[in-house]
C-alpha atoms as a PDB file:
ATOM      1  CA  MET A   1      -1.283  20.961 -19.623  1.00  0.00           C
ATOM      2  CA  PRO A   2      -0.574  18.683 -16.633  1.00  0.00           C
ATOM      3  CA  ARG A   3      -3.526  17.664 -14.482  1.00  0.00           C
ATOM      4  CA  GLU A   4      -3.837  16.434 -10.907  1.00  0.00           C
ATOM      5  CA  ILE A   5      -1.716  13.512  -9.717  1.00  0.00           C
ATOM      6  CA  ILE A   6      -2.329  11.577  -6.497  1.00  0.00           C
ATOM      7  CA  THR A   7       0.725  10.100  -4.787  1.00  0.00           C
ATOM      8  CA  LEU A   8       0.374   6.833  -2.871  1.00  0.00           C
ATOM      9  CA  GLN A   9       3.153   6.161  -0.355  1.00  0.00           C
ATOM     10  CA  LEU A  10       3.254   2.538   0.676  1.00  0.00           C
ATOM     11  CA  GLY A  11       5.263   0.815   3.401  1.00  0.00           C
ATOM     12  CA  GLN A  12       8.472   1.889   5.089  1.00  0.00           C
ATOM     13  CA  CYS A  13      10.427   2.532   1.901  1.00  0.00           C
ATOM     14  CA  GLY A  14       7.555   4.184   0.045  1.00  0.00           C
ATOM     15  CA  ASN A  15       6.848   6.607   2.870  1.00  0.00           C
ATOM     16  CA  GLN A  16      10.526   7.487   3.242  1.00  0.00           C
ATOM     17  CA  ILE A  17      10.746   8.221  -0.490  1.00  0.00           C
ATOM     18  CA  GLY A  18       7.489  10.159  -0.382  1.00  0.00           C
ATOM     19  CA  PHE A  19       8.673  12.257   2.544  1.00  0.00           C
ATOM     20  CA  GLU A  20      11.785  13.353   0.632  1.00  0.00           C
ATOM     21  CA  PHE A  21       9.678  13.918  -2.501  1.00  0.00           C
ATOM     22  CA  TRP A  22       7.358  16.357  -0.709  1.00  0.00           C
ATOM     23  CA  LYS A  23      10.264  18.136   0.958  1.00  0.00           C
ATOM     24  CA  GLN A  24      11.761  18.735  -2.490  1.00  0.00           C
ATOM     25  CA  LEU A  25       8.445  19.818  -4.039  1.00  0.00           C
ATOM     26  CA  CYS A  26       7.854  22.260  -1.188  1.00  0.00           C
ATOM     27  CA  ALA A  27      11.304  23.746  -1.747  1.00  0.00           C
ATOM     28  CA  GLU A  28      10.739  24.065  -5.511  1.00  0.00           C
ATOM     29  CA  HIS A  29       7.296  25.666  -5.156  1.00  0.00           C
ATOM     30  CA  GLY A  30       8.169  27.906  -2.221  1.00  0.00           C
ATOM     31  CA  ILE A  31       5.863  26.154   0.223  1.00  0.00           C
ATOM     32  CA  SER A  32       6.790  26.041   3.900  1.00  0.00           C
ATOM     33  CA  PRO A  33       6.708  22.820   5.992  1.00  0.00           C
ATOM     34  CA  GLU A  34       3.340  24.049   7.290  1.00  0.00           C
ATOM     35  CA  GLY A  35       1.933  24.376   3.749  1.00  0.00           C
ATOM     36  CA  ILE A  36       2.118  28.183   3.572  1.00  0.00           C
ATOM     37  CA  VAL A  37       3.424  29.878   0.417  1.00  0.00           C
ATOM     38  CA  GLU A  38       6.656  31.738   1.149  1.00  0.00           C
ATOM     39  CA  GLU A  39       6.923  35.445   0.334  1.00  0.00           C
ATOM     40  CA  PHE A  40       9.440  34.837  -2.467  1.00  0.00           C
ATOM     41  CA  ALA A  41       7.282  32.221  -4.246  1.00  0.00           C
ATOM     42  CA  THR A  42       5.444  32.918  -7.495  1.00  0.00           C
ATOM     43  CA  GLU A  43       1.673  32.562  -7.377  1.00  0.00           C
ATOM     44  CA  GLY A  44      -0.302  30.936 -10.173  1.00  0.00           C
ATOM     45  CA  THR A  45       2.526  30.318 -12.646  1.00  0.00           C
ATOM     46  CA  ASP A  46       4.048  27.012 -11.544  1.00  0.00           C
ATOM     47  CA  ARG A  47       1.011  24.680 -11.399  1.00  0.00           C
ATOM     48  CA  LYS A  48       1.119  23.870  -7.710  1.00  0.00           C
ATOM     49  CA  ASP A  49      -2.319  22.300  -8.164  1.00  0.00           C
ATOM     50  CA  VAL A  50      -0.881  19.247  -9.937  1.00  0.00           C
ATOM     51  CA  PHE A  51       0.512  17.835  -6.693  1.00  0.00           C
ATOM     52  CA  PHE A  52      -1.111  20.130  -4.089  1.00  0.00           C
ATOM     53  CA  TYR A  53      -4.565  21.508  -3.387  1.00  0.00           C
ATOM     54  CA  GLN A  54      -5.521  24.569  -1.386  1.00  0.00           C
ATOM     55  CA  ALA A  55      -7.471  23.963   1.792  1.00  0.00           C
ATOM     56  CA  ASP A  56      -7.975  27.703   2.199  1.00  0.00           C
ATOM     57  CA  ASP A  57      -6.433  30.893   0.806  1.00  0.00           C
ATOM     58  CA  GLU A  58      -2.936  30.088   2.061  1.00  0.00           C
ATOM     59  CA  HIS A  59      -2.627  26.471   3.108  1.00  0.00           C
ATOM     60  CA  TYR A  60      -1.416  23.945   0.487  1.00  0.00           C
ATOM     61  CA  ILE A  61      -1.887  20.222   1.149  1.00  0.00           C
ATOM     62  CA  PRO A  62      -0.230  17.389  -0.823  1.00  0.00           C
ATOM     63  CA  ARG A  63      -2.445  15.142  -2.922  1.00  0.00           C
ATOM     64  CA  ALA A  64      -0.897  12.255  -0.998  1.00  0.00           C
ATOM     65  CA  VAL A  65      -2.148   9.096   0.680  1.00  0.00           C
ATOM     66  CA  LEU A  66       0.178   7.576   3.288  1.00  0.00           C
ATOM     67  CA  LEU A  67      -0.321   3.847   3.882  1.00  0.00           C
ATOM     68  CA  ASP A  68       1.487   1.361   6.105  1.00  0.00           C
ATOM     69  CA  LEU A  69       0.861  -1.812   8.055  1.00  0.00           C
ATOM     70  CA  GLU A  70       3.190  -0.755  10.880  1.00  0.00           C
ATOM     71  CA  PRO A  71       3.452   2.722  12.389  1.00  0.00           C
ATOM     72  CA  ARG A  72       7.144   3.546  12.813  1.00  0.00           C
ATOM     73  CA  VAL A  73       7.898   5.528   9.640  1.00  0.00           C
ATOM     74  CA  ILE A  74       4.586   7.384   9.469  1.00  0.00           C
ATOM     75  CA  HIS A  75       4.937   8.314  13.137  1.00  0.00           C
ATOM     76  CA  SER A  76       8.396   9.721  12.379  1.00  0.00           C
ATOM     77  CA  ILE A  77       6.867  11.823   9.570  1.00  0.00           C
ATOM     78  CA  LEU A  78       4.158  13.065  11.924  1.00  0.00           C
ATOM     79  CA  ASN A  79       6.843  14.058  14.430  1.00  0.00           C
ATOM     80  CA  SER A  80       8.844  15.976  11.805  1.00  0.00           C
ATOM     81  CA  PRO A  81       8.632  19.693  10.906  1.00  0.00           C
ATOM     82  CA  TYR A  82       6.393  18.634   7.971  1.00  0.00           C
ATOM     83  CA  ALA A  83       3.715  17.037  10.164  1.00  0.00           C
ATOM     84  CA  LYS A  84       1.171  19.802   9.505  1.00  0.00           C
ATOM     85  CA  LEU A  85       1.668  19.589   5.737  1.00  0.00           C
ATOM     86  CA  TYR A  86      -0.364  16.399   5.300  1.00  0.00           C
ATOM     87  CA  ASN A  87      -4.090  15.818   5.527  1.00  0.00           C
ATOM     88  CA  PRO A  88      -4.484  13.522   8.585  1.00  0.00           C
ATOM     89  CA  GLU A  89      -7.557  11.951   6.971  1.00  0.00           C
ATOM     90  CA  ASN A  90      -5.288  10.667   4.175  1.00  0.00           C
ATOM     91  CA  ILE A  91      -3.158   8.538   6.504  1.00  0.00           C
ATOM     92  CA  TYR A  92      -3.965   4.848   6.941  1.00  0.00           C
ATOM     93  CA  LEU A  93      -2.234   2.678   9.543  1.00  0.00           C
ATOM     94  CA  SER A  94      -3.264  -0.923  10.107  1.00  0.00           C
ATOM     95  CA  GLU A  95      -5.058  -1.434  13.409  1.00  0.00           C
ATOM     96  CA  HIS A  96      -2.875  -4.368  14.473  1.00  0.00           C
ATOM     97  CA  GLY A  97       0.312  -2.508  13.480  1.00  0.00           C
ATOM     98  CA  GLY A  98       2.322  -5.686  13.014  1.00  0.00           C
ATOM     99  CA  GLY A  99       3.424  -5.064   9.438  1.00  0.00           C
ATOM    100  CA  ALA A 100       3.636  -7.768   6.786  1.00  0.00           C
ATOM    101  CA  GLY A 101       6.743  -9.538   8.089  1.00  0.00           C
ATOM    102  CA  ASN A 102       8.620  -9.057   4.788  1.00  0.00           C
ATOM    103  CA  ASN A 103       6.135 -11.503   3.275  1.00  0.00           C
ATOM    104  CA  TRP A 104       4.407 -10.740  -0.044  1.00  0.00           C
ATOM    105  CA  ALA A 105       1.482 -13.062   0.700  1.00  0.00           C
ATOM    106  CA  SER A 106       0.850 -11.381   4.053  1.00  0.00           C
ATOM    107  CA  GLY A 107       0.802  -7.911   2.496  1.00  0.00           C
ATOM    108  CA  PHE A 108      -1.463  -9.049  -0.351  1.00  0.00           C
ATOM    109  CA  SER A 109      -3.945 -10.843   1.925  1.00  0.00           C
ATOM    110  CA  GLN A 110      -4.106  -7.872   4.294  1.00  0.00           C
ATOM    111  CA  GLY A 111      -4.906  -5.724   1.261  1.00  0.00           C
ATOM    112  CA  GLU A 112      -7.995  -7.851   0.641  1.00  0.00           C
ATOM    113  CA  LYS A 113      -9.180  -7.151   4.191  1.00  0.00           C
ATOM    114  CA  ILE A 114      -8.508  -3.403   4.336  1.00  0.00           C
ATOM    115  CA  HIS A 115      -9.014  -2.287   0.736  1.00  0.00           C
ATOM    116  CA  GLU A 116     -12.390  -0.660   1.418  1.00  0.00           C
ATOM    117  CA  ASP A 117     -10.883   1.665   4.032  1.00  0.00           C
ATOM    118  CA  ILE A 118      -7.976   2.501   1.740  1.00  0.00           C
ATOM    119  CA  PHE A 119     -10.149   3.169  -1.297  1.00  0.00           C
ATOM    120  CA  ASP A 120     -12.457   5.359   0.745  1.00  0.00           C
ATOM    121  CA  ILE A 121      -9.426   7.648   1.110  1.00  0.00           C
ATOM    122  CA  ILE A 122      -8.279   7.309  -2.506  1.00  0.00           C
ATOM    123  CA  ASP A 123     -11.782   7.827  -3.925  1.00  0.00           C
ATOM    124  CA  ARG A 124     -12.329  10.912  -1.777  1.00  0.00           C
ATOM    125  CA  GLU A 125      -9.039  12.367  -2.971  1.00  0.00           C
ATOM    126  CA  ALA A 126      -9.895  11.546  -6.595  1.00  0.00           C
ATOM    127  CA  ASP A 127     -13.360  13.092  -6.260  1.00  0.00           C
ATOM    128  CA  GLY A 128     -11.733  16.295  -5.025  1.00  0.00           C
ATOM    129  CA  SER A 129      -9.721  16.618  -8.243  1.00  0.00           C
ATOM    130  CA  ASP A 130     -11.033  18.657 -11.166  1.00  0.00           C
ATOM    131  CA  SER A 131      -9.451  16.439 -13.815  1.00  0.00           C
ATOM    132  CA  LEU A 132      -7.390  13.570 -12.409  1.00  0.00           C
ATOM    133  CA  GLU A 133      -4.410  12.554 -14.556  1.00  0.00           C
ATOM    134  CA  GLY A 134      -3.407   9.472 -12.597  1.00  0.00           C
ATOM    135  CA  PHE A 135      -1.503   8.007  -9.694  1.00  0.00           C
ATOM    136  CA  VAL A 136       2.097   7.727  -8.560  1.00  0.00           C
ATOM    137  CA  LEU A 137       2.927   4.764  -6.311  1.00  0.00           C
ATOM    138  CA  CYS A 138       6.112   4.848  -4.199  1.00  0.00           C
ATOM    139  CA  HIS A 139       7.103   1.454  -2.781  1.00  0.00           C
ATOM    140  CA  SER A 140       9.712  -1.268  -2.480  1.00  0.00           C
ATOM    141  CA  ILE A 141       9.305  -4.551  -4.327  1.00  0.00           C
ATOM    142  CA  ALA A 142      11.301  -6.461  -1.702  1.00  0.00           C
ATOM    143  CA  GLY A 143       9.477  -5.807   1.591  1.00  0.00           C
ATOM    144  CA  GLY A 144       6.148  -7.298   2.584  1.00  0.00           C
ATOM    145  CA  THR A 145       3.971  -4.180   2.567  1.00  0.00           C
ATOM    146  CA  GLY A 146       5.460  -2.481  -0.492  1.00  0.00           C
ATOM    147  CA  SER A 147       5.415  -5.683  -2.518  1.00  0.00           C
ATOM    148  CA  GLY A 148       2.280  -7.489  -1.327  1.00  0.00           C
ATOM    149  CA  LEU A 149      -0.070  -4.626  -0.500  1.00  0.00           C
ATOM    150  CA  GLY A 150       1.456  -2.691  -3.414  1.00  0.00           C
ATOM    151  CA  SER A 151       0.582  -5.525  -5.801  1.00  0.00           C
ATOM    152  CA  TYR A 152      -2.966  -5.670  -4.492  1.00  0.00           C
ATOM    153  CA  LEU A 153      -3.473  -1.922  -4.851  1.00  0.00           C
ATOM    154  CA  LEU A 154      -2.041  -1.932  -8.382  1.00  0.00           C
ATOM    155  CA  GLU A 155      -4.604  -4.523  -9.453  1.00  0.00           C
ATOM    156  CA  ARG A 156      -7.467  -2.669  -7.797  1.00  0.00           C
ATOM    157  CA  LEU A 157      -6.386   0.723  -9.165  1.00  0.00           C
ATOM    158  CA  ASN A 158      -6.374  -0.747 -12.657  1.00  0.00           C
ATOM    159  CA  ASP A 159      -9.887  -2.123 -12.135  1.00  0.00           C
ATOM    160  CA  ARG A 160     -11.273   0.999 -10.478  1.00  0.00           C
ATOM    161  CA  TYR A 161      -9.562   3.672 -12.596  1.00  0.00           C
ATOM    162  CA  PRO A 162      -8.853   1.929 -15.926  1.00  0.00           C
ATOM    163  CA  LYS A 163      -8.410   5.188 -17.867  1.00  0.00           C
ATOM    164  CA  LYS A 164      -6.002   6.819 -15.403  1.00  0.00           C
ATOM    165  CA  LEU A 165      -2.234   6.585 -15.695  1.00  0.00           C
ATOM    166  CA  VAL A 166      -0.357   4.652 -13.017  1.00  0.00           C
ATOM    167  CA  GLN A 167       3.350   5.340 -12.597  1.00  0.00           C
ATOM    168  CA  THR A 168       5.449   3.685  -9.912  1.00  0.00           C
ATOM    169  CA  TYR A 169       8.733   4.498  -8.243  1.00  0.00           C
ATOM    170  CA  SER A 170       9.777   0.970  -7.337  1.00  0.00           C
ATOM    171  CA  VAL A 171      12.860   0.317  -5.212  1.00  0.00           C
ATOM    172  CA  PHE A 172      14.583  -2.926  -6.196  1.00  0.00           C
ATOM    173  CA  PRO A 173      16.744  -5.062  -3.866  1.00  0.00           C
ATOM    174  CA  ASN A 174      20.453  -4.261  -3.723  1.00  0.00           C
ATOM    175  CA  GLN A 175      22.140  -7.029  -5.701  1.00  0.00           C
ATOM    176  CA  ASP A 176      25.592  -6.170  -4.323  1.00  0.00           C
ATOM    177  CA  GLU A 177      24.698  -6.983  -0.725  1.00  0.00           C
ATOM    178  CA  MET A 178      23.286 -10.074   0.925  1.00  0.00           C
ATOM    179  CA  SER A 179      19.927  -9.551   2.588  1.00  0.00           C
ATOM    180  CA  ASP A 180      18.686 -11.068   5.826  1.00  0.00           C
ATOM    181  CA  VAL A 181      15.287 -11.437   4.148  1.00  0.00           C
ATOM    182  CA  VAL A 182      15.513 -14.765   2.349  1.00  0.00           C
ATOM    183  CA  VAL A 183      12.158 -14.297   0.588  1.00  0.00           C
ATOM    184  CA  GLN A 184      13.196 -11.061  -1.173  1.00  0.00           C
ATOM    185  CA  PRO A 185      13.535 -12.772  -4.585  1.00  0.00           C
ATOM    186  CA  TYR A 186      10.002 -14.194  -4.294  1.00  0.00           C
ATOM    187  CA  ASN A 187       8.567 -10.856  -3.152  1.00  0.00           C
ATOM    188  CA  SER A 188      10.260  -9.173  -6.099  1.00  0.00           C
ATOM    189  CA  LEU A 189       9.134 -11.665  -8.742  1.00  0.00           C
ATOM    190  CA  LEU A 190       5.526 -11.642  -7.576  1.00  0.00           C
ATOM    191  CA  THR A 191       5.506  -7.838  -7.592  1.00  0.00           C
ATOM    192  CA  LEU A 192       7.190  -7.555 -10.989  1.00  0.00           C
ATOM    193  CA  LYS A 193       4.351  -9.567 -12.512  1.00  0.00           C
ATOM    194  CA  ARG A 194       1.787  -7.042 -11.186  1.00  0.00           C
ATOM    195  CA  LEU A 195       3.909  -4.117 -12.320  1.00  0.00           C
ATOM    196  CA  THR A 196       4.088  -5.425 -15.885  1.00  0.00           C
ATOM    197  CA  GLN A 197       0.336  -6.058 -15.926  1.00  0.00           C
ATOM    198  CA  ASN A 198      -0.954  -2.917 -14.213  1.00  0.00           C
ATOM    199  CA  ALA A 199       1.538  -0.027 -14.346  1.00  0.00           C
ATOM    200  CA  ASP A 200       1.903   2.326 -17.309  1.00  0.00           C
ATOM    201  CA  CYS A 201       5.420   3.347 -16.301  1.00  0.00           C
ATOM    202  CA  VAL A 202       7.881   1.913 -13.763  1.00  0.00           C
ATOM    203  CA  VAL A 203      10.872   3.920 -12.556  1.00  0.00           C
ATOM    204  CA  SER A 204      13.247   1.547 -10.784  1.00  0.00           C
ATOM    205  CA  ALA A 205      15.770   2.533  -8.147  1.00  0.00           C
END
């Protein structure tokens, strides 16, 4: 029987993927953008508790942590019809809001500075689970936040939760188009090393 899974949405790409993921899950489980079960939905037979938890008798909240070093994408989510779906305490935005500049090293080093704040959120979410199965990480391996901060979190997750599964949805650079970001290959290689060392399953896109 499936157990609870916590989704970590990281960076611009990861939060965009996560947003679409929760929209689809809400549609499949009959949950409104406000987290209320629709009249047509079936109660208790479709294991909503794997990805959601109930805050009260009606309101379902995603087991999701939204993380970014710049605010644009998360602000767009919070201005969408799904804004009330998420737990605001599970959203982390860097105080300086400058992002990682498409630089793996910047994202990784910022992870070292902010990891305590991030793991306060992750640990609280894990403690609220009855029997945590593992984590899903949504990110890009090419951008600075998804690659650098993503690599840092993968290492720390493996240290902190060694017996929990870690699956990633990792967006790879488009090889058919030239990118303006000349360091994409370096970001990708450095992240791939951490994925091979710390992830149990990688789904590439």
